[in-house]
Amino acid sequence: MLNLNRSHAQLVVWSLIAILAGMLISQDIQADEGGSSFWLPGQFGSFSASQTKPGWSLSLAYYHASFSTGVGKNFEIGGRIETGVNARTNLLFVTPAYTFSNPVLGAQAAIGITGTFGHMNSSADATLVGPGGAILSRNDRDSIIGVGDIFPSGSLRWQNGNHNIKTYTMLGVPTGDYRVGQLANLGINHWSVDVGGGYTYYNMQSGREFSIVAGFTHNFENHSTQYRNGNNLHFDLSASQTLSKHWHIGLAGYYYDQITGDSGSGALLGDFKSRIGGIGPQVGYQFTIGKREYYLNLRGYKEFGAKNRPEGWNVWITLTMPI
């Protein structure tokens, strides 16, 4: 067990909050290719650092997003510069995972791999520049149904009373459907690695819960477009109140910030740093079927403060079950 007393736990929480607050008020914070990124903000919700039961489990996560950019805001997508982009995305993330019963470094260890499937519709009011500098089209539209990238991951979780801490690593493997020069792609066509840590406070007597997860993403070059996304920091936060044995409700939010600029010969718009925030309600429901425990969570986010990134709203519906 990690020797985590109350003062140490408070130090962890306030340190993470201080980092986030400093980023929010900084004027030096300014995007990723296409205005999208390896990391989808909002992935972590309530109880994100809490331990789970040993053995096999399966997590299904449905993600719906609707976002747009104003005319005059340019984005480089697949080697072309687009303006007035609108998109709707529906993704299903399927994650089988295994939690070990024997501790590793005094922690509960788990590994998993996430597969992605989905559908995306995109449109742009104008394509400004293509290869050779030509104006290609107006009112361009594109759609795709297929397979996205895969994401192996591993985590360690420590618990001491009401306090829980986790570390994790996730790898982005470019196996998804990707077409150069297309508006809609389910894969990002480059490798990425994300590392981070989180904290969950949960008091069973009061039913109060608070979670925060912070991560750092390093991106490698998309060799098809000679474009390399900058590195970024991301924060997922949640707070909830248990209403009964089965239900809890609360708020969830996220903040995403690109801390280094885009680069490579294909980065025609320069460093193009991005940032965005989101906040909204959440509800969770725990239930049993036979002797097996299931957990269902619904989170919705309205985005704000977008810079060099599309802005809109998104919904996460996750179901976790033992196998």
Foldseek 3Di string as FASTA:
>chain_A
DDPADPVNLVVVVVVVVVVVVVVVPDPPFFAFALQDDPDDPPPDEFPRQPDDDFFKKKKKKKKKWWWWAAAPQWHHHLQWIFGTKTKIKIKIKIKIKGWDPDADVQWTKMKIKIWMWIKMKMWTQFTQQHVVGDGDDGGDIDMDGTTEWMKIKMKTWHDDAQKIKMKMKIKTDFPFADDRPDSDTRYPQWIKMKIWMKMWGADPVFQKIKMKIKMKMATDANVSQQKTAAIKIKMKIWIWGDPDPFKIKTKIKMKITGDWFMDGPRPPVTRQTKIKMWMFMKMKTWDDDPNWIKIWMKTKIAMDDIHSHIGGIMIMIMMMTGD
